[in-house]
Amino acid sequence: MSQPSSKAFDCVQSMRQARDRLSAETMGMSYDELVKWLRVHRYADPVLQRLAEKAAQHADAADRPSAGR
């Protein structure tokens, strides 16, 4: 098996850097602060933006009493 040349993009390293950056930004936030941060933070990546919006909506739904319970 031949040795691959240097990678142009390291997905694992990129994911770890993004996770570490987000963890540093949100460290110490309460649940309410985190939900507020998710609502106001805007991402350049549309996929990340949709995920953040869905997370904020999920938090809103969890805060509302359910009619069927």
N, C-alpha and C. Protein backbone atom coordinates (compact mmCIF):
# COMPACT_ATOMS: atom_id res chain seq x y z
N MET A 1 0.84 -1.17 0.00
CA MET A 1 0.00 0.00 0.00
C MET A 1 0.89 1.24 0.00
N SER A 2 0.63 2.16 -0.86
CA SER A 2 1.46 3.36 -0.95
C SER A 2 1.01 4.40 0.07
N GLN A 3 1.93 5.23 0.49
CA GLN A 3 1.62 6.30 1.43
C GLN A 3 0.94 7.43 0.68
N PRO A 4 -0.19 7.91 1.20
CA PRO A 4 -0.84 9.04 0.53
C PRO A 4 -0.03 10.31 0.74
N SER A 5 -0.11 11.19 -0.22
CA SER A 5 0.56 12.48 -0.06
C SER A 5 -0.23 13.32 0.95
N SER A 6 0.26 14.48 1.28
CA SER A 6 -0.42 15.31 2.28
C SER A 6 -1.85 15.61 1.84
N LYS A 7 -2.74 15.61 2.81
CA LYS A 7 -4.15 15.85 2.53
C LYS A 7 -4.39 17.33 2.24
N ALA A 8 -5.26 17.57 1.29
CA ALA A 8 -5.65 18.95 1.00
C ALA A 8 -6.62 19.45 2.08
N PHE A 9 -7.45 18.55 2.61
CA PHE A 9 -8.44 18.93 3.63
C PHE A 9 -8.58 17.77 4.60
N ASP A 10 -8.45 18.05 5.88
CA ASP A 10 -8.60 17.02 6.91
C ASP A 10 -9.94 17.25 7.61
N CYS A 11 -10.91 16.43 7.28
CA CYS A 11 -12.27 16.57 7.80
C CYS A 11 -12.30 16.44 9.32
N VAL A 12 -11.60 15.46 9.86
CA VAL A 12 -11.62 15.23 11.31
C VAL A 12 -11.03 16.45 12.03
N GLN A 13 -9.92 16.95 11.54
CA GLN A 13 -9.29 18.11 12.16
C GLN A 13 -10.22 19.33 12.09
N SER A 14 -10.85 19.52 10.95
CA SER A 14 -11.77 20.64 10.78
C SER A 14 -12.94 20.54 11.75
N MET A 15 -13.52 19.35 11.89
CA MET A 15 -14.63 19.14 12.81
C MET A 15 -14.21 19.42 14.25
N ARG A 16 -13.04 18.96 14.63
CA ARG A 16 -12.55 19.17 15.99
C ARG A 16 -12.33 20.65 16.27
N GLN A 17 -11.79 21.37 15.30
CA GLN A 17 -11.57 22.81 15.47
C GLN A 17 -12.89 23.55 15.63
N ALA A 18 -13.88 23.19 14.82
CA ALA A 18 -15.19 23.83 14.91
C ALA A 18 -15.84 23.52 16.26
N ARG A 19 -15.76 22.28 16.69
CA ARG A 19 -16.34 21.88 17.98
C ARG A 19 -15.66 22.61 19.13
N ASP A 20 -14.35 22.71 19.08
CA ASP A 20 -13.62 23.40 20.14
C ASP A 20 -13.96 24.89 20.19
N ARG A 21 -14.10 25.50 19.01
CA ARG A 21 -14.45 26.93 18.95
C ARG A 21 -15.85 27.17 19.53
N LEU A 22 -16.82 26.33 19.13
CA LEU A 22 -18.18 26.47 19.64
C LEU A 22 -18.25 26.19 21.13
N SER A 23 -17.52 25.20 21.59
CA SER A 23 -17.49 24.88 23.02
C SER A 23 -16.94 26.06 23.82
N ALA A 24 -15.90 26.70 23.30
CA ALA A 24 -15.31 27.85 23.99
C ALA A 24 -16.30 29.02 24.03
N GLU A 25 -17.05 29.23 22.94
CA GLU A 25 -18.01 30.32 22.88
C GLU A 25 -19.18 30.12 23.83
N THR A 26 -19.61 28.87 24.02
CA THR A 26 -20.82 28.60 24.80
C THR A 26 -20.53 28.09 26.21
N MET A 27 -19.26 27.94 26.55
CA MET A 27 -18.90 27.41 27.86
C MET A 27 -19.45 28.32 28.96
N GLY A 28 -20.07 27.71 29.93
CA GLY A 28 -20.59 28.45 31.08
C GLY A 28 -21.95 29.07 30.87
N MET A 29 -22.53 28.91 29.69
CA MET A 29 -23.86 29.49 29.44
C MET A 29 -24.93 28.64 30.10
N SER A 30 -25.94 29.30 30.62
CA SER A 30 -27.10 28.58 31.13
C SER A 30 -27.92 28.10 29.93
N TYR A 31 -28.92 27.28 30.19
CA TYR A 31 -29.77 26.77 29.12
C TYR A 31 -30.44 27.93 28.39
N ASP A 32 -30.98 28.89 29.14
CA ASP A 32 -31.66 30.02 28.52
C ASP A 32 -30.70 30.87 27.70
N GLU A 33 -29.48 31.07 28.19
CA GLU A 33 -28.48 31.83 27.45
C GLU A 33 -28.10 31.10 26.17
N LEU A 34 -27.99 29.78 26.23
CA LEU A 34 -27.65 29.00 25.05
C LEU A 34 -28.75 29.08 24.00
N VAL A 35 -30.00 29.00 24.42
CA VAL A 35 -31.13 29.11 23.49
C VAL A 35 -31.12 30.49 22.83
N LYS A 36 -30.89 31.54 23.62
CA LYS A 36 -30.83 32.89 23.07
C LYS A 36 -29.67 33.00 22.07
N TRP A 37 -28.52 32.43 22.41
CA TRP A 37 -27.36 32.45 21.52
C TRP A 37 -27.68 31.75 20.20
N LEU A 38 -28.38 30.61 20.28
CA LEU A 38 -28.75 29.89 19.06
C LEU A 38 -29.66 30.73 18.18
N ARG A 39 -30.55 31.52 18.80
CA ARG A 39 -31.48 32.34 18.03
C ARG A 39 -30.78 33.49 17.31
N VAL A 40 -29.80 34.11 17.96
CA VAL A 40 -29.21 35.32 17.37
C VAL A 40 -27.95 35.04 16.55
N HIS A 41 -27.30 33.91 16.77
CA HIS A 41 -26.07 33.60 16.05
C HIS A 41 -26.40 33.23 14.61
N ARG A 42 -25.69 33.81 13.66
CA ARG A 42 -25.90 33.53 12.24
C ARG A 42 -24.66 32.85 11.68
N TYR A 43 -24.89 31.79 10.93
CA TYR A 43 -23.83 31.02 10.31
C TYR A 43 -23.75 31.32 8.82
N ALA A 44 -22.55 31.30 8.27
CA ALA A 44 -22.38 31.46 6.82
C ALA A 44 -22.85 30.20 6.10
N ASP A 45 -22.71 29.06 6.74
CA ASP A 45 -23.10 27.78 6.15
C ASP A 45 -24.61 27.59 6.33
N PRO A 46 -25.39 27.47 5.26
CA PRO A 46 -26.84 27.34 5.39
C PRO A 46 -27.28 26.09 6.14
N VAL A 47 -26.51 25.02 6.06
CA VAL A 47 -26.87 23.80 6.79
C VAL A 47 -26.75 24.04 8.29
N LEU A 48 -25.66 24.66 8.72
CA LEU A 48 -25.49 24.98 10.14
C LEU A 48 -26.56 25.96 10.61
N GLN A 49 -26.93 26.90 9.76
CA GLN A 49 -27.96 27.86 10.13
C GLN A 49 -29.29 27.16 10.36
N ARG A 50 -29.66 26.24 9.47
CA ARG A 50 -30.92 25.49 9.64
C ARG A 50 -30.88 24.64 10.91
N LEU A 51 -29.73 24.02 11.21
CA LEU A 51 -29.62 23.23 12.43
C LEU A 51 -29.79 24.10 13.67
N ALA A 52 -29.19 25.28 13.68
CA ALA A 52 -29.32 26.19 14.81
C ALA A 52 -30.77 26.64 14.98
N GLU A 53 -31.45 26.94 13.88
CA GLU A 53 -32.85 27.35 13.94
C GLU A 53 -33.73 26.23 14.47
N LYS A 54 -33.47 25.01 14.01
CA LYS A 54 -34.24 23.86 14.50
C LYS A 54 -34.00 23.62 15.99
N ALA A 55 -32.76 23.80 16.44
CA ALA A 55 -32.45 23.63 17.86
C ALA A 55 -33.19 24.67 18.69
N ALA A 56 -33.26 25.91 18.22
CA ALA A 56 -33.98 26.95 18.93
C ALA A 56 -35.48 26.66 18.95
N GLN A 57 -36.02 26.16 17.83
CA GLN A 57 -37.44 25.80 17.78
C GLN A 57 -37.74 24.65 18.73
N HIS A 58 -36.85 23.69 18.79
CA HIS A 58 -37.02 22.55 19.69
C HIS A 58 -37.03 23.02 21.14
N ALA A 59 -36.16 23.96 21.46
CA ALA A 59 -36.12 24.51 22.82
C ALA A 59 -37.42 25.25 23.12
N ASP A 60 -37.93 26.01 22.14
CA ASP A 60 -39.20 26.71 22.34
C ASP A 60 -40.34 25.72 22.58
N ALA A 61 -40.35 24.65 21.81
CA ALA A 61 -41.41 23.63 21.95
C ALA A 61 -41.32 22.96 23.31
N ALA A 62 -40.13 22.74 23.80
CA ALA A 62 -39.95 22.09 25.10
C ALA A 62 -40.42 23.00 26.23
N ASP A 63 -40.38 24.32 26.01
CA ASP A 63 -40.81 25.27 27.04
C ASP A 63 -42.32 25.44 27.09
N ARG A 64 -43.00 25.13 25.97
CA ARG A 64 -44.45 25.30 25.93
C ARG A 64 -45.14 24.07 26.50
N PRO A 65 -46.22 24.27 27.25
CA PRO A 65 -46.96 23.11 27.74
C PRO A 65 -47.65 22.41 26.58
N SER A 66 -47.69 21.10 26.64
CA SER A 66 -48.32 20.33 25.58
C SER A 66 -49.80 20.15 25.88
N ALA A 67 -50.63 20.35 24.86
CA ALA A 67 -52.08 20.23 25.03
C ALA A 67 -52.52 18.80 25.22
N GLY A 68 -51.77 17.85 24.66
CA GLY A 68 -52.20 16.44 24.70
C GLY A 68 -51.68 15.65 25.88
N ARG A 69 -50.96 16.26 26.78
CA ARG A 69 -50.40 15.49 27.90
C ARG A 69 -51.29 15.45 29.08
